[in-house]
Amino acid sequence: MKKTLYVALPLVGAIMFSGCATLFGGGGKQQITINSEKPVSGKIGHVAEDNATIINQQQFTAPATITVLREDKDIMITSDSHEFEPVKVEKKLNPWFWGDVLATSLVSTTTDIVTGAMWKYDENVTIPAK
C-alpha cells in the first residue's frame, strides 16, 4: 500500500498541476503539413493584433511539414511570388482543454492558457496553386 502511495501521489500531483492539453493534447507546439498540387514557396506565420502584419514567419516550400507555436492567433500562409492566394488557418479550442475545466483545476487551466496548448490548428492545409 505504501509503495502505491509513493507512486500515485507524484503522478496525481503532476496531472493536477499540468494542463490536460499540455500533457495529452500536444503541448505548446504543433506540426502543420502544407500540401500543394505543385511545389510552391511561401511563408507561414501568426496574424498580429492589427490583422495585417504576419509575425514569427517561417519560410517553406510545399509540400512541407512546419512546426508552429500554438497561440491565441490565427495563422496566415502567403506566397513569395503570388503563386497562390493567402490561406488563413484559424485557431480552434483544443478539446483536451475541457479536461481542465471538468477537473476544476485553476492551475492546470492557467498552464494550458500560458503555454498556448489550449489552441490547435488544422493539421493538414492544402494551398491551391494558380
N, C-alpha and C. Protein backbone atom coordinates (compact mmCIF):
# COMPACT_ATOMS: atom_id res chain seq x y z
N MET A 1 0.83 -1.21 0.00
CA MET A 1 0.00 0.00 0.00
C MET A 1 0.86 1.26 0.00
N LYS A 2 1.94 1.24 0.81
CA LYS A 2 2.81 2.42 0.89
C LYS A 2 3.51 2.69 -0.43
N LYS A 3 3.93 1.62 -1.11
CA LYS A 3 4.61 1.78 -2.40
C LYS A 3 3.67 2.39 -3.42
N THR A 4 2.41 1.99 -3.37
CA THR A 4 1.42 2.54 -4.29
C THR A 4 1.25 4.04 -4.06
N LEU A 5 1.24 4.45 -2.80
CA LEU A 5 1.12 5.88 -2.47
C LEU A 5 2.32 6.67 -2.99
N TYR A 6 3.51 6.09 -2.86
CA TYR A 6 4.72 6.78 -3.32
C TYR A 6 4.70 7.00 -4.83
N VAL A 7 4.07 6.11 -5.55
CA VAL A 7 3.97 6.24 -7.00
C VAL A 7 2.77 7.11 -7.38
N ALA A 8 1.63 6.90 -6.73
CA ALA A 8 0.39 7.57 -7.10
C ALA A 8 0.40 9.06 -6.77
N LEU A 9 0.92 9.43 -5.60
CA LEU A 9 0.88 10.83 -5.19
C LEU A 9 1.62 11.75 -6.16
N PRO A 10 2.87 11.45 -6.54
CA PRO A 10 3.52 12.33 -7.52
C PRO A 10 2.83 12.35 -8.88
N LEU A 11 2.29 11.20 -9.27
CA LEU A 11 1.59 11.13 -10.55
C LEU A 11 0.34 11.98 -10.54
N VAL A 12 -0.46 11.87 -9.49
CA VAL A 12 -1.68 12.69 -9.37
C VAL A 12 -1.31 14.17 -9.26
N GLY A 13 -0.27 14.49 -8.52
CA GLY A 13 0.18 15.89 -8.40
C GLY A 13 0.63 16.46 -9.73
N ALA A 14 1.35 15.66 -10.51
CA ALA A 14 1.81 16.13 -11.82
C ALA A 14 0.63 16.41 -12.74
N ILE A 15 -0.37 15.55 -12.70
CA ILE A 15 -1.54 15.74 -13.56
C ILE A 15 -2.35 16.95 -13.10
N MET A 16 -2.48 17.13 -11.79
CA MET A 16 -3.26 18.26 -11.28
C MET A 16 -2.62 19.60 -11.60
N PHE A 17 -1.28 19.64 -11.61
CA PHE A 17 -0.60 20.91 -11.81
C PHE A 17 -0.07 21.10 -13.23
N SER A 18 -0.43 20.20 -14.12
CA SER A 18 -0.14 20.35 -15.54
C SER A 18 -1.45 20.30 -16.29
N GLY A 19 -1.55 21.08 -17.33
CA GLY A 19 -2.80 21.12 -18.07
C GLY A 19 -3.01 19.88 -18.92
N CYS A 20 -4.26 19.49 -19.07
CA CYS A 20 -4.60 18.33 -19.91
C CYS A 20 -4.14 18.54 -21.35
N ALA A 21 -4.36 19.72 -21.88
CA ALA A 21 -3.95 19.99 -23.27
C ALA A 21 -2.44 20.01 -23.40
N THR A 22 -1.74 20.40 -22.33
CA THR A 22 -0.28 20.40 -22.34
C THR A 22 0.24 18.97 -22.32
N LEU A 23 -0.36 18.13 -21.48
CA LEU A 23 0.09 16.74 -21.35
C LEU A 23 -0.36 15.85 -22.51
N PHE A 24 -1.64 15.92 -22.84
CA PHE A 24 -2.22 14.96 -23.77
C PHE A 24 -2.56 15.54 -25.14
N GLY A 25 -2.65 16.85 -25.25
CA GLY A 25 -3.10 17.48 -26.48
C GLY A 25 -2.02 18.06 -27.35
N GLY A 26 -0.77 17.72 -27.10
CA GLY A 26 0.29 18.16 -27.99
C GLY A 26 1.19 19.26 -27.46
N GLY A 27 0.83 19.89 -26.35
CA GLY A 27 1.69 20.93 -25.79
C GLY A 27 1.60 22.25 -26.52
N GLY A 28 2.64 23.06 -26.41
CA GLY A 28 2.62 24.41 -26.94
C GLY A 28 3.06 24.53 -28.39
N LYS A 29 3.40 23.41 -29.04
CA LYS A 29 3.80 23.43 -30.45
C LYS A 29 2.96 22.43 -31.23
N GLN A 30 2.84 22.67 -32.53
CA GLN A 30 2.08 21.76 -33.38
C GLN A 30 2.70 21.72 -34.76
N GLN A 31 2.61 20.57 -35.39
CA GLN A 31 3.08 20.43 -36.77
C GLN A 31 1.90 20.61 -37.71
N ILE A 32 2.13 21.38 -38.76
CA ILE A 32 1.14 21.59 -39.82
C ILE A 32 1.77 21.13 -41.13
N THR A 33 1.07 20.25 -41.83
CA THR A 33 1.52 19.78 -43.13
C THR A 33 0.87 20.63 -44.21
N ILE A 34 1.70 21.23 -45.06
CA ILE A 34 1.21 22.08 -46.14
C ILE A 34 1.38 21.33 -47.45
N ASN A 35 0.27 21.13 -48.14
CA ASN A 35 0.27 20.41 -49.41
C ASN A 35 -0.11 21.36 -50.54
N SER A 36 0.35 21.02 -51.75
CA SER A 36 0.01 21.79 -52.94
C SER A 36 0.09 20.87 -54.15
N GLU A 37 -0.62 21.25 -55.21
CA GLU A 37 -0.59 20.46 -56.44
C GLU A 37 0.80 20.48 -57.08
N LYS A 38 1.50 21.58 -56.90
CA LYS A 38 2.85 21.70 -57.43
C LYS A 38 3.71 22.38 -56.37
N PRO A 39 5.04 22.22 -56.45
CA PRO A 39 5.91 22.86 -55.45
C PRO A 39 5.78 24.38 -55.50
N VAL A 40 5.46 24.97 -54.37
CA VAL A 40 5.39 26.42 -54.25
C VAL A 40 6.11 26.83 -52.98
N SER A 41 6.67 28.03 -52.99
CA SER A 41 7.35 28.53 -51.79
C SER A 41 6.52 29.65 -51.18
N GLY A 42 6.69 29.81 -49.89
CA GLY A 42 5.94 30.84 -49.21
C GLY A 42 6.40 31.02 -47.78
N LYS A 43 5.58 31.72 -47.02
CA LYS A 43 5.87 31.98 -45.61
C LYS A 43 4.64 31.63 -44.80
N ILE A 44 4.88 31.17 -43.58
CA ILE A 44 3.80 30.88 -42.65
C ILE A 44 4.10 31.63 -41.35
N GLY A 45 3.08 32.23 -40.77
CA GLY A 45 3.28 32.98 -39.53
C GLY A 45 1.96 33.33 -38.89
N HIS A 46 2.04 33.84 -37.68
CA HIS A 46 0.84 34.23 -36.93
C HIS A 46 0.37 35.62 -37.36
N VAL A 47 -0.94 35.80 -37.35
CA VAL A 47 -1.53 37.09 -37.67
C VAL A 47 -1.45 37.97 -36.42
N ALA A 48 -0.88 39.16 -36.56
CA ALA A 48 -0.73 40.08 -35.43
C ALA A 48 -2.07 40.71 -35.05
N GLU A 49 -2.07 41.45 -33.97
CA GLU A 49 -3.28 42.09 -33.45
C GLU A 49 -3.94 43.02 -34.47
N ASP A 50 -3.14 43.63 -35.35
CA ASP A 50 -3.70 44.57 -36.32
C ASP A 50 -4.35 43.88 -37.52
N ASN A 51 -4.30 42.54 -37.56
CA ASN A 51 -4.88 41.73 -38.64
C ASN A 51 -4.24 42.00 -40.00
N ALA A 52 -3.11 42.67 -40.04
CA ALA A 52 -2.45 42.97 -41.31
C ALA A 52 -1.01 42.46 -41.32
N THR A 53 -0.38 42.42 -40.17
CA THR A 53 1.02 42.04 -40.06
C THR A 53 1.13 40.55 -39.72
N ILE A 54 2.10 39.90 -40.34
CA ILE A 54 2.37 38.50 -40.05
C ILE A 54 3.65 38.44 -39.22
N ILE A 55 3.59 37.79 -38.07
CA ILE A 55 4.76 37.71 -37.17
C ILE A 55 5.22 36.25 -37.06
N ASN A 56 6.43 36.07 -36.56
CA ASN A 56 7.02 34.74 -36.38
C ASN A 56 7.02 33.95 -37.70
N GLN A 57 7.41 34.59 -38.78
CA GLN A 57 7.33 33.95 -40.10
C GLN A 57 8.41 32.89 -40.28
N GLN A 58 8.02 31.82 -40.97
CA GLN A 58 8.95 30.76 -41.36
C GLN A 58 8.82 30.54 -42.86
N GLN A 59 9.92 30.33 -43.51
CA GLN A 59 9.95 30.06 -44.94
C GLN A 59 9.68 28.57 -45.17
N PHE A 60 9.00 28.22 -46.27
CA PHE A 60 8.77 26.81 -46.61
C PHE A 60 8.65 26.66 -48.12
N THR A 61 8.81 25.44 -48.58
CA THR A 61 8.49 25.06 -49.95
C THR A 61 7.58 23.85 -49.85
N ALA A 62 6.35 24.00 -50.35
CA ALA A 62 5.35 22.94 -50.24
C ALA A 62 5.65 21.85 -51.26
N PRO A 63 5.42 20.61 -50.94
CA PRO A 63 4.86 20.12 -49.69
C PRO A 63 5.90 20.20 -48.56
N ALA A 64 5.40 20.52 -47.36
CA ALA A 64 6.28 20.68 -46.21
C ALA A 64 5.51 20.43 -44.92
N THR A 65 6.25 20.09 -43.89
CA THR A 65 5.69 19.99 -42.54
C THR A 65 6.42 21.01 -41.68
N ILE A 66 5.67 21.94 -41.12
CA ILE A 66 6.22 23.06 -40.36
C ILE A 66 5.76 22.95 -38.91
N THR A 67 6.65 23.22 -37.98
CA THR A 67 6.29 23.27 -36.56
C THR A 67 6.03 24.72 -36.18
N VAL A 68 4.84 24.98 -35.63
CA VAL A 68 4.46 26.33 -35.22
C VAL A 68 4.12 26.34 -33.73
N LEU A 69 4.26 27.51 -33.14
CA LEU A 69 3.82 27.69 -31.76
C LEU A 69 2.31 27.83 -31.74
N ARG A 70 1.68 27.26 -30.74
CA ARG A 70 0.24 27.45 -30.57
C ARG A 70 0.05 28.75 -29.81
N GLU A 71 -0.75 29.62 -30.39
CA GLU A 71 -1.01 30.92 -29.77
C GLU A 71 -2.47 31.28 -29.97
N ASP A 72 -2.89 32.33 -29.29
CA ASP A 72 -4.25 32.84 -29.43
C ASP A 72 -4.33 33.72 -30.67
N LYS A 73 -3.77 33.22 -31.77
CA LYS A 73 -3.74 33.96 -33.03
C LYS A 73 -3.95 32.97 -34.17
N ASP A 74 -4.59 33.45 -35.23
CA ASP A 74 -4.71 32.64 -36.43
C ASP A 74 -3.37 32.61 -37.14
N ILE A 75 -3.24 31.70 -38.10
CA ILE A 75 -2.02 31.58 -38.89
C ILE A 75 -2.34 31.96 -40.34
N MET A 76 -1.40 32.64 -40.98
CA MET A 76 -1.56 33.02 -42.38
C MET A 76 -0.42 32.39 -43.18
N ILE A 77 -0.79 31.80 -44.32
CA ILE A 77 0.19 31.23 -45.24
C ILE A 77 0.16 32.08 -46.51
N THR A 78 1.30 32.65 -46.85
CA THR A 78 1.37 33.54 -48.01
C THR A 78 2.44 33.05 -48.99
N SER A 79 2.31 33.50 -50.23
CA SER A 79 3.24 33.13 -51.29
C SER A 79 4.28 34.22 -51.48
N ASP A 80 5.50 33.81 -51.77
CA ASP A 80 6.56 34.78 -52.06
C ASP A 80 6.34 35.45 -53.41
N SER A 81 5.89 34.67 -54.39
CA SER A 81 5.77 35.20 -55.75
C SER A 81 4.32 35.19 -56.24
N HIS A 82 3.39 35.28 -55.32
CA HIS A 82 1.95 35.33 -55.64
C HIS A 82 1.50 34.12 -56.45
N GLU A 83 2.06 32.95 -56.14
CA GLU A 83 1.69 31.71 -56.82
C GLU A 83 0.32 31.21 -56.34
N PHE A 84 -0.12 31.68 -55.16
CA PHE A 84 -1.41 31.30 -54.61
C PHE A 84 -1.94 32.42 -53.72
N GLU A 85 -3.24 32.43 -53.53
CA GLU A 85 -3.86 33.42 -52.65
C GLU A 85 -3.50 33.09 -51.20
N PRO A 86 -3.40 34.09 -50.33
CA PRO A 86 -3.14 33.81 -48.91
C PRO A 86 -4.21 32.88 -48.33
N VAL A 87 -3.74 31.97 -47.47
CA VAL A 87 -4.62 31.00 -46.82
C VAL A 87 -4.56 31.25 -45.32
N LYS A 88 -5.74 31.41 -44.71
CA LYS A 88 -5.82 31.65 -43.27
C LYS A 88 -6.20 30.34 -42.58
N VAL A 89 -5.42 29.98 -41.55
CA VAL A 89 -5.70 28.80 -40.74
C VAL A 89 -6.16 29.31 -39.38
N GLU A 90 -7.42 29.10 -39.06
CA GLU A 90 -7.97 29.66 -37.82
C GLU A 90 -7.68 28.76 -36.63
N LYS A 91 -7.46 29.41 -35.50
CA LYS A 91 -7.25 28.68 -34.26
C LYS A 91 -8.58 28.09 -33.80
N LYS A 92 -8.50 26.95 -33.12
CA LYS A 92 -9.67 26.30 -32.55
C LYS A 92 -9.34 25.88 -31.13
N LEU A 93 -10.34 25.73 -30.31
CA LEU A 93 -10.13 25.29 -28.94
C LEU A 93 -9.74 23.81 -28.95
N ASN A 94 -8.62 23.50 -28.29
CA ASN A 94 -8.16 22.12 -28.16
C ASN A 94 -9.13 21.35 -27.26
N PRO A 95 -9.71 20.25 -27.73
CA PRO A 95 -10.68 19.51 -26.91
C PRO A 95 -10.12 19.05 -25.57
N TRP A 96 -8.82 18.84 -25.47
CA TRP A 96 -8.22 18.43 -24.20
C TRP A 96 -8.34 19.51 -23.14
N PHE A 97 -8.53 20.75 -23.55
CA PHE A 97 -8.67 21.85 -22.59
C PHE A 97 -9.88 21.62 -21.68
N TRP A 98 -10.92 20.94 -22.21
CA TRP A 98 -12.12 20.69 -21.40
C TRP A 98 -11.82 19.77 -20.23
N GLY A 99 -10.74 19.00 -20.29
CA GLY A 99 -10.32 18.18 -19.14
C GLY A 99 -9.98 19.04 -17.95
N ASP A 100 -9.34 20.19 -18.21
CA ASP A 100 -9.04 21.14 -17.13
C ASP A 100 -10.31 21.69 -16.52
N VAL A 101 -11.24 22.04 -17.38
CA VAL A 101 -12.50 22.61 -16.92
C VAL A 101 -13.26 21.60 -16.08
N LEU A 102 -13.34 20.35 -16.56
CA LEU A 102 -14.04 19.30 -15.80
C LEU A 102 -13.35 18.99 -14.48
N ALA A 103 -12.02 19.08 -14.46
CA ALA A 103 -11.28 18.83 -13.23
C ALA A 103 -11.33 20.03 -12.29
N THR A 104 -11.90 21.13 -12.75
CA THR A 104 -11.98 22.39 -11.99
C THR A 104 -10.63 22.77 -11.38
N SER A 105 -9.60 22.63 -12.19
CA SER A 105 -8.24 22.94 -11.74
C SER A 105 -7.79 24.27 -12.35
N LEU A 106 -7.74 25.29 -11.53
CA LEU A 106 -7.32 26.61 -11.98
C LEU A 106 -5.86 26.61 -12.43
N VAL A 107 -5.03 25.84 -11.73
CA VAL A 107 -3.61 25.80 -12.07
C VAL A 107 -3.41 25.16 -13.44
N SER A 108 -4.06 24.03 -13.71
CA SER A 108 -3.86 23.38 -15.00
C SER A 108 -4.49 24.17 -16.14
N THR A 109 -5.62 24.83 -15.87
CA THR A 109 -6.23 25.68 -16.88
C THR A 109 -5.28 26.83 -17.24
N THR A 110 -4.69 27.42 -16.22
CA THR A 110 -3.74 28.51 -16.44
C THR A 110 -2.52 28.02 -17.22
N THR A 111 -2.05 26.82 -16.91
CA THR A 111 -0.90 26.25 -17.63
C THR A 111 -1.20 26.14 -19.12
N ASP A 112 -2.37 25.62 -19.46
CA ASP A 112 -2.73 25.48 -20.88
C ASP A 112 -2.89 26.82 -21.57
N ILE A 113 -3.41 27.81 -20.86
CA ILE A 113 -3.56 29.14 -21.44
C ILE A 113 -2.20 29.77 -21.71
N VAL A 114 -1.31 29.69 -20.73
CA VAL A 114 0.01 30.33 -20.84
C VAL A 114 0.87 29.65 -21.90
N THR A 115 0.83 28.33 -21.98
CA THR A 115 1.66 27.61 -22.96
C THR A 115 1.08 27.66 -24.36
N GLY A 116 -0.19 28.08 -24.49
CA GLY A 116 -0.84 28.10 -25.79
C GLY A 116 -1.45 26.76 -26.16
N ALA A 117 -1.32 25.77 -25.28
CA ALA A 117 -1.81 24.42 -25.57
C ALA A 117 -3.33 24.35 -25.67
N MET A 118 -4.02 25.39 -25.20
CA MET A 118 -5.48 25.36 -25.29
C MET A 118 -5.97 25.57 -26.71
N TRP A 119 -5.05 25.94 -27.63
CA TRP A 119 -5.42 26.19 -29.02
C TRP A 119 -4.85 25.10 -29.91
N LYS A 120 -5.48 24.89 -31.06
CA LYS A 120 -4.92 23.99 -32.07
C LYS A 120 -5.30 24.51 -33.45
N TYR A 121 -4.58 24.03 -34.45
CA TYR A 121 -4.81 24.40 -35.84
C TYR A 121 -5.09 23.13 -36.64
N ASP A 122 -5.63 23.29 -37.84
CA ASP A 122 -5.78 22.14 -38.72
C ASP A 122 -4.40 21.55 -38.97
N GLU A 123 -4.31 20.23 -38.97
CA GLU A 123 -3.02 19.58 -39.14
C GLU A 123 -2.59 19.50 -40.61
N ASN A 124 -3.54 19.52 -41.53
CA ASN A 124 -3.26 19.47 -42.96
C ASN A 124 -3.92 20.64 -43.65
N VAL A 125 -3.12 21.36 -44.42
CA VAL A 125 -3.62 22.51 -45.17
C VAL A 125 -3.20 22.34 -46.62
N THR A 126 -4.16 22.48 -47.53
CA THR A 126 -3.85 22.41 -48.95
C THR A 126 -3.97 23.80 -49.54
N ILE A 127 -2.91 24.25 -50.18
CA ILE A 127 -2.95 25.56 -50.80
C ILE A 127 -3.17 25.40 -52.30
N PRO A 128 -4.18 26.08 -52.83
CA PRO A 128 -4.47 25.94 -54.26
C PRO A 128 -3.48 26.74 -55.11
N ALA A 129 -2.86 26.09 -56.04
CA ALA A 129 -1.95 26.79 -56.95
C ALA A 129 -2.77 27.47 -58.05
N LYS A 130 -2.27 28.62 -58.50
CA LYS A 130 -2.97 29.34 -59.60
C LYS A 130 -2.70 28.68 -60.91
